[in-house]
Structures are given as C-alpha cells and as structure tokens.
Amino acid sequence: MLIDCHAHLDDYGAELDEVIARARAAGLVHVVAIGQWPMAKARATVDLARRDRSLLSATAGIHPHDAAQATEDDFAELERLCAGPDVVAVGECGLDFHYDRSPRDVQRKVFRRQLQLAKKLRRPAMVHTREADLETAAILSEELGPDGGVIHCFTSDWTAAQRYLALGMFLSFSGVLTFKNADPVREAAEKAPLDRLLVETDSPFLAPVPHRGKRNEPALVAVTAARLAELRKLPLAELERATTANARAALRLPG
C-alpha cells in the first residue's frame, strides 16, 4: 500500500500500460504524474490522470531548466490546467543551480510566479531544488501559500531539511536514499518527523539499488520504502501506512 508521489509517466511511450500494470501489481494505490513544460506535455499528463482517477493524479508546472523558455501564453495555460480538478499541485517548480540551464534570475522569477499561482489556486507546490537550498528556502519563506508543498527528491542534509520542515514542507525521498554516498540524505530521513515523510521514484530516473543504472518505474518505490523503514527501524507496513497517509494529506489525494 504505497503512493509514488512523483513520477514522469510521459517518458514511457508505448510501454506505459505495462508500467502502470506493474505498479498496481506491486501494491501501489496511487501515482502522482508530473506534467511539465512544454504545455502540450503537461496537458497530456493531465489527460492521462483524468482517464484513470482511481490510480493517477497530475501536477503541472515549469521546471527551472525550462524557465527561460516559458511564455505568457504558457503561464496562462498553466493556470488553466492547475485550476482543474485533476491537478493536485503546481510544479515541479524551483531552482537548479547545478545545471543552470536557465539564468538564475529567470529561475527565481518563474519559481516565485508559480508559488504565487499555487497560493492563488489553493494548491500545494511540488518543489525541485538542487544546489540551491538556501535560496529555495528563502523564496519559500516569502511566497509559500497556506497549502504548503513537497520538496521532491530530497538530496540535501539535515540542516537543509530542518529549514524546509520549519516552513511546513513535506520531504519526499527517492532511490537516492539507497545510494552508497548518500549518508547526509539518510541522516535527514532518520531524523525528520515521520508525519512529514513521502516516497517517490522520480521515474524513469534514479532507480534504487540494486536497480541503479536501469530505467526506474513506479513499482520500484517499494525498494525505497523498504530502505526508509530500515533506517527508521519500523515495520515496513507501518512505514507504508505513514507515507501513504502523508501523501494524501500533502497533496489531497483520494483516500
């Protein structure tokens, strides 16, 4: 009984039906499909979620990599999509100072704009941050709405985690939790309150060990959940119940 709270389902093409079937077989009760710019892809993700509401919900957003390419028409379409009943969060949005595929000043502006949209529409924010924790937390402290949000694919340390937790954010852990050199991530996963923890795949990326280097998919969120339960010294069933309840609370998913 698990929820994958962040998966890029538009990357599977003709294999998507098989991927979804394996997710159901693995015991997943919900998958949050991430809809991203260009807006035609975001629309397709929302349409996918609409066709299978029992298993899927969607988000819509402009990734920091694409911030410089977004137009006013894109923002208008984003607002229209996010106002609909099948979109549970705005994003992923945020800052990425590792690749810097968009200028940092543009990333900041587009991030703020999406947080303001989330506040206006009463949606949580699905937040991407890489090598930008201080600025991400600072912008969130100024712009985050009452519906809060999720730090997706948390890859930082306990110090950064505490900043996000103080803002009311949920922390979502991916297959990175299983990687050899991820001790700071594991420390944060051990210390964070249980009622703020989520699990995700970020599929098709970041497959957990022992699948690292292969294409990831929602069914493998079970591997990350098992590692998280081990770190927390909890029975797996208890960890599954907690993260599932947390995902439903964070993203207002169907129960």
C-alpha atoms as a PDB file:
ATOM      1  CA  MET A   1       0.000   0.000   0.000  1.00  0.00           C
ATOM      2  CA  LEU A   2       2.246   2.772  -1.311  1.00  0.00           C
ATOM      3  CA  ILE A   3       1.978   6.072  -3.158  1.00  0.00           C
ATOM      4  CA  ASP A   4       4.637   7.165  -5.618  1.00  0.00           C
ATOM      5  CA  CYS A   5       4.281  10.899  -5.229  1.00  0.00           C
ATOM      6  CA  HIS A   6       6.481  11.891  -8.188  1.00  0.00           C
ATOM      7  CA  ALA A   7       6.765  10.027 -11.487  1.00  0.00           C
ATOM      8  CA  HIS A   8       7.316  11.240 -15.059  1.00  0.00           C
ATOM      9  CA  LEU A   9       4.935   8.907 -16.833  1.00  0.00           C
ATOM     10  CA  ASP A  10       5.186  10.726 -20.159  1.00  0.00           C
ATOM     11  CA  ASP A  11       8.616   9.156 -20.691  1.00  0.00           C
ATOM     12  CA  TYR A  12       7.403   5.563 -21.179  1.00  0.00           C
ATOM     13  CA  GLY A  13       5.709   5.814 -24.541  1.00  0.00           C
ATOM     14  CA  ALA A  14       4.092   2.605 -25.737  1.00  0.00           C
ATOM     15  CA  GLU A  15       5.208   0.776 -22.572  1.00  0.00           C
ATOM     16  CA  LEU A  16       3.127   2.934 -20.243  1.00  0.00           C
ATOM     17  CA  ASP A  17       0.292   0.412 -19.857  1.00  0.00           C
ATOM     18  CA  GLU A  18       2.795  -2.245 -18.772  1.00  0.00           C
ATOM     19  CA  VAL A  19       4.444   0.171 -16.331  1.00  0.00           C
ATOM     20  CA  ILE A  20       1.083   1.002 -14.780  1.00  0.00           C
ATOM     21  CA  ALA A  21       0.141  -2.677 -14.571  1.00  0.00           C
ATOM     22  CA  ARG A  22       3.387  -3.410 -12.717  1.00  0.00           C
ATOM     23  CA  ALA A  23       2.686  -0.530 -10.341  1.00  0.00           C
ATOM     24  CA  ARG A  24      -0.706  -1.995  -9.472  1.00  0.00           C
ATOM     25  CA  ALA A  25       0.818  -5.458  -9.070  1.00  0.00           C
ATOM     26  CA  ALA A  26       3.428  -4.030  -6.686  1.00  0.00           C
ATOM     27  CA  GLY A  27       0.641  -2.736  -4.450  1.00  0.00           C
ATOM     28  CA  LEU A  28       0.694   0.944  -5.317  1.00  0.00           C
ATOM     29  CA  VAL A  29      -2.575   2.685  -4.568  1.00  0.00           C
ATOM     30  CA  HIS A  30      -1.717   5.975  -6.285  1.00  0.00           C
ATOM     31  CA  VAL A  31       0.864   7.620  -8.547  1.00  0.00           C
ATOM     32  CA  VAL A  32       1.314  11.364  -8.973  1.00  0.00           C
ATOM     33  CA  ALA A  33       2.210  12.032 -12.615  1.00  0.00           C
ATOM     34  CA  ILE A  34       4.311  15.138 -13.172  1.00  0.00           C
ATOM     35  CA  GLY A  35       3.214  17.370 -16.035  1.00  0.00           C
ATOM     36  CA  GLN A  36       5.892  19.739 -17.293  1.00  0.00           C
ATOM     37  CA  TRP A  37       6.575  22.358 -19.929  1.00  0.00           C
ATOM     38  CA  PRO A  38       6.119  22.376 -22.878  1.00  0.00           C
ATOM     39  CA  MET A  39       2.474  22.744 -22.040  1.00  0.00           C
ATOM     40  CA  ALA A  40       1.384  20.166 -24.603  1.00  0.00           C
ATOM     41  CA  LYS A  41       3.198  17.567 -22.461  1.00  0.00           C
ATOM     42  CA  ALA A  42       1.574  18.913 -19.323  1.00  0.00           C
ATOM     43  CA  ARG A  43      -1.857  18.686 -20.952  1.00  0.00           C
ATOM     44  CA  ALA A  44      -1.184  15.111 -21.976  1.00  0.00           C
ATOM     45  CA  THR A  45      -0.254  14.209 -18.398  1.00  0.00           C
ATOM     46  CA  VAL A  46      -3.437  15.775 -17.058  1.00  0.00           C
ATOM     47  CA  ASP A  47      -5.459  13.897 -19.673  1.00  0.00           C
ATOM     48  CA  LEU A  48      -3.763  10.659 -18.606  1.00  0.00           C
ATOM     49  CA  ALA A  49      -4.677  11.227 -14.975  1.00  0.00           C
ATOM     50  CA  ARG A  50      -8.247  12.072 -15.939  1.00  0.00           C
ATOM     51  CA  ARG A  51      -8.624   8.688 -17.649  1.00  0.00           C
ATOM     52  CA  ASP A  52      -7.645   6.718 -14.531  1.00  0.00           C
ATOM     53  CA  ARG A  53      -8.547   8.751 -11.448  1.00  0.00           C
ATOM     54  CA  SER A  54      -8.525   5.621  -9.280  1.00  0.00           C
ATOM     55  CA  LEU A  55      -4.744   5.390  -9.610  1.00  0.00           C
ATOM     56  CA  LEU A  56      -3.436   8.682 -11.027  1.00  0.00           C
ATOM     57  CA  SER A  57      -3.337  12.367 -10.247  1.00  0.00           C
ATOM     58  CA  ALA A  58      -1.368  15.023 -12.093  1.00  0.00           C
ATOM     59  CA  THR A  59       0.665  18.131 -11.451  1.00  0.00           C
ATOM     60  CA  ALA A  60       1.524  20.885 -13.910  1.00  0.00           C
ATOM     61  CA  GLY A  61       4.477  23.213 -13.821  1.00  0.00           C
ATOM     62  CA  ILE A  62       7.524  24.788 -15.409  1.00  0.00           C
ATOM     63  CA  HIS A  63      10.811  23.159 -14.392  1.00  0.00           C
ATOM     64  CA  PRO A  64      13.713  25.511 -13.641  1.00  0.00           C
ATOM     65  CA  HIS A  65      15.578  24.032 -16.610  1.00  0.00           C
ATOM     66  CA  ASP A  66      12.839  25.420 -18.874  1.00  0.00           C
ATOM     67  CA  ALA A  67      12.173  28.698 -17.092  1.00  0.00           C
ATOM     68  CA  ALA A  68      13.817  30.854 -19.764  1.00  0.00           C
ATOM     69  CA  GLN A  69      11.637  29.382 -22.495  1.00  0.00           C
ATOM     70  CA  ALA A  70       8.247  29.876 -20.837  1.00  0.00           C
ATOM     71  CA  THR A  71       5.965  32.439 -22.453  1.00  0.00           C
ATOM     72  CA  GLU A  72       2.990  34.405 -21.172  1.00  0.00           C
ATOM     73  CA  ASP A  73       0.751  32.008 -23.083  1.00  0.00           C
ATOM     74  CA  ASP A  74       2.411  29.153 -21.186  1.00  0.00           C
ATOM     75  CA  PHE A  75       1.649  30.781 -17.857  1.00  0.00           C
ATOM     76  CA  ALA A  76      -1.960  31.310 -18.892  1.00  0.00           C
ATOM     77  CA  GLU A  77      -2.248  27.648 -19.870  1.00  0.00           C
ATOM     78  CA  LEU A  78      -0.554  26.595 -16.644  1.00  0.00           C
ATOM     79  CA  GLU A  79      -3.119  28.474 -14.593  1.00  0.00           C
ATOM     80  CA  ARG A  80      -5.959  26.931 -16.570  1.00  0.00           C
ATOM     81  CA  LEU A  81      -4.612  23.416 -16.035  1.00  0.00           C
ATOM     82  CA  CYS A  82      -3.836  23.888 -12.352  1.00  0.00           C
ATOM     83  CA  ALA A  83      -7.328  25.212 -11.691  1.00  0.00           C
ATOM     84  CA  GLY A  84      -8.802  21.904 -12.892  1.00  0.00           C
ATOM     85  CA  PRO A  85      -9.835  19.033 -10.615  1.00  0.00           C
ATOM     86  CA  ASP A  86      -7.208  16.563 -11.844  1.00  0.00           C
ATOM     87  CA  VAL A  87      -4.176  18.703 -10.912  1.00  0.00           C
ATOM     88  CA  VAL A  88      -3.148  18.320  -7.288  1.00  0.00           C
ATOM     89  CA  ALA A  89      -0.040  20.551  -7.211  1.00  0.00           C
ATOM     90  CA  VAL A  90       1.788  23.292  -9.077  1.00  0.00           C
ATOM     91  CA  GLY A  91       5.170  22.082 -10.283  1.00  0.00           C
ATOM     92  CA  GLU A  92       7.606  20.773 -10.366  1.00  0.00           C
ATOM     93  CA  CYS A  93       8.992  24.242  -9.970  1.00  0.00           C
ATOM     94  CA  GLY A  94      12.027  25.583  -8.204  1.00  0.00           C
ATOM     95  CA  LEU A  95      15.717  26.290  -8.589  1.00  0.00           C
ATOM     96  CA  ASP A  96      18.511  24.238 -10.156  1.00  0.00           C
ATOM     97  CA  PHE A  97      21.948  25.807  -9.701  1.00  0.00           C
ATOM     98  CA  HIS A  98      23.732  22.582 -10.662  1.00  0.00           C
ATOM     99  CA  TYR A  99      22.978  22.642 -14.388  1.00  0.00           C
ATOM    100  CA  ASP A 100      21.949  26.315 -14.713  1.00  0.00           C
ATOM    101  CA  ARG A 101      20.064  25.596 -17.925  1.00  0.00           C
ATOM    102  CA  SER A 102      18.146  28.829 -17.382  1.00  0.00           C
ATOM    103  CA  PRO A 103      19.687  32.000 -15.952  1.00  0.00           C
ATOM    104  CA  ARG A 104      19.346  32.124 -12.185  1.00  0.00           C
ATOM    105  CA  ASP A 105      17.450  35.393 -12.142  1.00  0.00           C
ATOM    106  CA  VAL A 106      14.883  33.885 -14.532  1.00  0.00           C
ATOM    107  CA  GLN A 107      14.649  30.722 -12.416  1.00  0.00           C
ATOM    108  CA  ARG A 108      13.914  32.827  -9.342  1.00  0.00           C
ATOM    109  CA  LYS A 109      11.243  34.847 -11.129  1.00  0.00           C
ATOM    110  CA  VAL A 110       9.476  31.790 -12.575  1.00  0.00           C
ATOM    111  CA  PHE A 111       9.659  29.953  -9.247  1.00  0.00           C
ATOM    112  CA  ARG A 112       8.072  32.874  -7.417  1.00  0.00           C
ATOM    113  CA  ARG A 113       5.391  33.172 -10.048  1.00  0.00           C
ATOM    114  CA  GLN A 114       4.414  29.526  -9.688  1.00  0.00           C
ATOM    115  CA  LEU A 115       4.357  29.738  -5.902  1.00  0.00           C
ATOM    116  CA  GLN A 116       2.057  32.737  -6.219  1.00  0.00           C
ATOM    117  CA  LEU A 117      -0.157  30.710  -8.549  1.00  0.00           C
ATOM    118  CA  ALA A 118      -0.254  27.848  -6.054  1.00  0.00           C
ATOM    119  CA  LYS A 119      -1.293  30.288  -3.338  1.00  0.00           C
ATOM    120  CA  LYS A 120      -3.994  31.798  -5.557  1.00  0.00           C
ATOM    121  CA  LEU A 121      -5.448  28.416  -6.519  1.00  0.00           C
ATOM    122  CA  ARG A 122      -5.016  26.831  -3.078  1.00  0.00           C
ATOM    123  CA  ARG A 123      -2.721  24.117  -4.374  1.00  0.00           C
ATOM    124  CA  PRO A 124       0.465  22.780  -2.773  1.00  0.00           C
ATOM    125  CA  ALA A 125       3.757  23.320  -4.593  1.00  0.00           C
ATOM    126  CA  MET A 126       5.886  20.463  -5.919  1.00  0.00           C
ATOM    127  CA  VAL A 127       9.406  21.857  -5.464  1.00  0.00           C
ATOM    128  CA  HIS A 128      12.657  20.957  -7.217  1.00  0.00           C
ATOM    129  CA  THR A 129      15.880  22.223  -5.671  1.00  0.00           C
ATOM    130  CA  ARG A 130      19.462  21.337  -6.474  1.00  0.00           C
ATOM    131  CA  GLU A 131      22.490  23.120  -5.020  1.00  0.00           C
ATOM    132  CA  ALA A 132      20.139  25.973  -4.118  1.00  0.00           C
ATOM    133  CA  ASP A 133      18.761  25.124  -0.676  1.00  0.00           C
ATOM    134  CA  LEU A 134      19.358  28.498   0.951  1.00  0.00           C
ATOM    135  CA  GLU A 135      17.683  30.436  -1.857  1.00  0.00           C
ATOM    136  CA  THR A 136      14.878  27.901  -2.217  1.00  0.00           C
ATOM    137  CA  ALA A 137      14.074  28.129   1.479  1.00  0.00           C
ATOM    138  CA  ALA A 138      14.279  31.927   1.401  1.00  0.00           C
ATOM    139  CA  ILE A 139      11.842  32.188  -1.512  1.00  0.00           C
ATOM    140  CA  LEU A 140       9.506  29.658   0.070  1.00  0.00           C
ATOM    141  CA  SER A 141       9.509  31.664   3.295  1.00  0.00           C
ATOM    142  CA  GLU A 142       8.256  34.674   1.312  1.00  0.00           C
ATOM    143  CA  GLU A 143       5.905  33.068  -1.204  1.00  0.00           C
ATOM    144  CA  LEU A 144       4.638  29.716   0.061  1.00  0.00           C
ATOM    145  CA  GLY A 145       0.887  29.582   0.398  1.00  0.00           C
ATOM    146  CA  PRO A 146      -1.178  28.006   3.177  1.00  0.00           C
ATOM    147  CA  ASP A 147      -1.389  24.687   1.328  1.00  0.00           C
ATOM    148  CA  GLY A 148       2.349  24.157   1.678  1.00  0.00           C
ATOM    149  CA  GLY A 149       4.138  21.715  -0.542  1.00  0.00           C
ATOM    150  CA  VAL A 150       6.670  18.969  -1.109  1.00  0.00           C
ATOM    151  CA  ILE A 151      10.436  19.079  -1.501  1.00  0.00           C
ATOM    152  CA  HIS A 152      10.618  16.402  -4.134  1.00  0.00           C
ATOM    153  CA  CYS A 153      13.603  14.059  -4.391  1.00  0.00           C
ATOM    154  CA  PHE A 154      15.235  15.403  -1.250  1.00  0.00           C
ATOM    155  CA  THR A 155      19.011  15.114  -1.728  1.00  0.00           C
ATOM    156  CA  SER A 156      20.376  17.530   0.854  1.00  0.00           C
ATOM    157  CA  ASP A 157      21.352  17.228   4.521  1.00  0.00           C
ATOM    158  CA  TRP A 158      19.688  17.516   7.897  1.00  0.00           C
ATOM    159  CA  THR A 159      20.431  21.245   8.137  1.00  0.00           C
ATOM    160  CA  ALA A 160      18.549  21.908   4.895  1.00  0.00           C
ATOM    161  CA  ALA A 161      15.784  19.522   5.935  1.00  0.00           C
ATOM    162  CA  GLN A 162      15.186  21.489   9.117  1.00  0.00           C
ATOM    163  CA  ARG A 163      14.722  24.707   7.130  1.00  0.00           C
ATOM    164  CA  TYR A 164      12.063  23.076   4.944  1.00  0.00           C
ATOM    165  CA  LEU A 165      10.353  21.376   7.868  1.00  0.00           C
ATOM    166  CA  ALA A 166      10.141  24.715   9.696  1.00  0.00           C
ATOM    167  CA  LEU A 167       8.204  26.038   6.690  1.00  0.00           C
ATOM    168  CA  GLY A 168       5.739  23.149   6.926  1.00  0.00           C
ATOM    169  CA  MET A 169       7.054  21.291   3.881  1.00  0.00           C
ATOM    170  CA  PHE A 170       6.974  17.540   3.361  1.00  0.00           C
ATOM    171  CA  LEU A 171      10.204  15.771   2.359  1.00  0.00           C
ATOM    172  CA  SER A 172       9.986  13.190  -0.416  1.00  0.00           C
ATOM    173  CA  PHE A 173      12.728  10.567  -0.661  1.00  0.00           C
ATOM    174  CA  SER A 174      13.693   8.774  -3.868  1.00  0.00           C
ATOM    175  CA  GLY A 175      16.057   5.970  -4.802  1.00  0.00           C
ATOM    176  CA  VAL A 176      18.929   8.295  -3.856  1.00  0.00           C
ATOM    177  CA  LEU A 177      18.253   7.089  -0.301  1.00  0.00           C
ATOM    178  CA  THR A 178      19.822   3.748  -1.316  1.00  0.00           C
ATOM    179  CA  PHE A 179      22.947   5.174  -2.984  1.00  0.00           C
ATOM    180  CA  LYS A 180      26.354   4.489  -1.460  1.00  0.00           C
ATOM    181  CA  ASN A 181      27.382   8.121  -0.965  1.00  0.00           C
ATOM    182  CA  ALA A 182      24.044   9.416   0.330  1.00  0.00           C
ATOM    183  CA  ASP A 183      24.750   9.413   4.077  1.00  0.00           C
ATOM    184  CA  PRO A 184      23.545  13.037   4.554  1.00  0.00           C
ATOM    185  CA  VAL A 185      20.245  12.140   2.877  1.00  0.00           C
ATOM    186  CA  ARG A 186      19.851   9.090   5.086  1.00  0.00           C
ATOM    187  CA  GLU A 187      20.544  11.170   8.202  1.00  0.00           C
ATOM    188  CA  ALA A 188      17.741  13.552   7.239  1.00  0.00           C
ATOM    189  CA  ALA A 189      15.426  10.607   6.566  1.00  0.00           C
ATOM    190  CA  GLU A 190      16.164   9.181  10.007  1.00  0.00           C
ATOM    191  CA  LYS A 191      15.694  12.452  11.901  1.00  0.00           C
ATOM    192  CA  ALA A 192      12.718  14.042  10.158  1.00  0.00           C
ATOM    193  CA  PRO A 193       9.287  13.583  11.763  1.00  0.00           C
ATOM    194  CA  LEU A 194       7.518  10.506  10.456  1.00  0.00           C
ATOM    195  CA  ASP A 195       4.441  12.540   9.546  1.00  0.00           C
ATOM    196  CA  ARG A 196       6.454  14.627   7.055  1.00  0.00           C
ATOM    197  CA  LEU A 197       7.964  11.771   5.011  1.00  0.00           C
ATOM    198  CA  LEU A 198       6.969  10.753   1.494  1.00  0.00           C
ATOM    199  CA  VAL A 199       8.433   8.303  -1.011  1.00  0.00           C
ATOM    200  CA  GLU A 200       8.773   8.678  -4.757  1.00  0.00           C
ATOM    201  CA  THR A 201      10.628   7.299  -7.724  1.00  0.00           C
ATOM    202  CA  ASP A 202      11.213  10.390  -9.899  1.00  0.00           C
ATOM    203  CA  SER A 203      10.962   7.696 -12.554  1.00  0.00           C
ATOM    204  CA  PRO A 204      12.289   6.973 -15.070  1.00  0.00           C
ATOM    205  CA  PHE A 205      15.323   8.420 -13.259  1.00  0.00           C
ATOM    206  CA  LEU A 206      17.224   7.437 -10.094  1.00  0.00           C
ATOM    207  CA  ALA A 207      16.420   3.738  -9.865  1.00  0.00           C
ATOM    208  CA  PRO A 208      17.246   2.464  -6.375  1.00  0.00           C
ATOM    209  CA  VAL A 209      19.992  -0.024  -5.629  1.00  0.00           C
ATOM    210  CA  PRO A 210      20.101  -2.862  -6.774  1.00  0.00           C
ATOM    211  CA  HIS A 211      18.469  -1.481  -9.940  1.00  0.00           C
ATOM    212  CA  ARG A 212      20.724   1.564 -10.232  1.00  0.00           C
ATOM    213  CA  GLY A 213      21.684   2.326 -13.803  1.00  0.00           C
ATOM    214  CA  LYS A 214      18.467   0.823 -15.163  1.00  0.00           C
ATOM    215  CA  ARG A 215      15.263   2.622 -16.033  1.00  0.00           C
ATOM    216  CA  ASN A 216      13.226   3.370 -12.937  1.00  0.00           C
ATOM    217  CA  GLU A 217       9.447   2.964 -12.688  1.00  0.00           C
ATOM    218  CA  PRO A 218       6.746   3.463 -10.030  1.00  0.00           C
ATOM    219  CA  ALA A 219       6.730  -0.184  -8.895  1.00  0.00           C
ATOM    220  CA  LEU A 220      10.267   0.293  -7.557  1.00  0.00           C
ATOM    221  CA  VAL A 221       9.112   2.831  -4.961  1.00  0.00           C
ATOM    222  CA  ALA A 222       8.729  -0.256  -2.787  1.00  0.00           C
ATOM    223  CA  VAL A 223      12.536  -0.598  -2.665  1.00  0.00           C
ATOM    224  CA  THR A 224      12.957   2.954  -1.391  1.00  0.00           C
ATOM    225  CA  ALA A 225      10.175   2.458   1.150  1.00  0.00           C
ATOM    226  CA  ALA A 226      11.872  -0.675   2.454  1.00  0.00           C
ATOM    227  CA  ARG A 227      15.154   1.211   2.920  1.00  0.00           C
ATOM    228  CA  LEU A 228      13.362   4.042   4.683  1.00  0.00           C
ATOM    229  CA  ALA A 229      11.641   1.589   7.025  1.00  0.00           C
ATOM    230  CA  GLU A 230      15.015   0.022   7.793  1.00  0.00           C
ATOM    231  CA  LEU A 231      16.545   3.425   8.588  1.00  0.00           C
ATOM    232  CA  ARG A 232      13.618   4.332  10.823  1.00  0.00           C
ATOM    233  CA  LYS A 233      13.625   0.893  12.483  1.00  0.00           C
ATOM    234  CA  LEU A 234       9.952   0.488  11.677  1.00  0.00           C
ATOM    235  CA  PRO A 235       7.968  -2.444  10.308  1.00  0.00           C
ATOM    236  CA  LEU A 236       7.505  -1.931   6.586  1.00  0.00           C
ATOM    237  CA  ALA A 237       3.714  -1.980   6.899  1.00  0.00           C
ATOM    238  CA  GLU A 238       3.843   0.900   9.392  1.00  0.00           C
ATOM    239  CA  LEU A 239       6.116   2.928   7.120  1.00  0.00           C
ATOM    240  CA  GLU A 240       3.803   2.277   4.173  1.00  0.00           C
ATOM    241  CA  ARG A 241       0.764   3.409   6.145  1.00  0.00           C
ATOM    242  CA  ALA A 242       2.518   6.565   7.301  1.00  0.00           C
ATOM    243  CA  THR A 243       3.891   7.679   3.933  1.00  0.00           C
ATOM    244  CA  THR A 244       0.595   6.908   2.211  1.00  0.00           C
ATOM    245  CA  ALA A 245      -1.350   8.957   4.749  1.00  0.00           C
ATOM    246  CA  ASN A 246       1.225  11.748   4.439  1.00  0.00           C
ATOM    247  CA  ALA A 247       0.962  11.826   0.645  1.00  0.00           C
ATOM    248  CA  ARG A 248      -2.803  12.044   0.854  1.00  0.00           C
ATOM    249  CA  ALA A 249      -2.521  14.899   3.334  1.00  0.00           C
ATOM    250  CA  ALA A 250       0.220  16.778   1.476  1.00  0.00           C
ATOM    251  CA  LEU A 251      -1.413  16.547  -1.956  1.00  0.00           C
ATOM    252  CA  ARG A 252      -5.061  15.997  -1.017  1.00  0.00           C
ATOM    253  CA  LEU A 253      -5.140  12.693  -2.869  1.00  0.00           C
ATOM    254  CA  PRO A 254      -8.191  10.435  -2.851  1.00  0.00           C
ATOM    255  CA  GLY A 255      -8.375   8.095   0.106  1.00  0.00           C
END
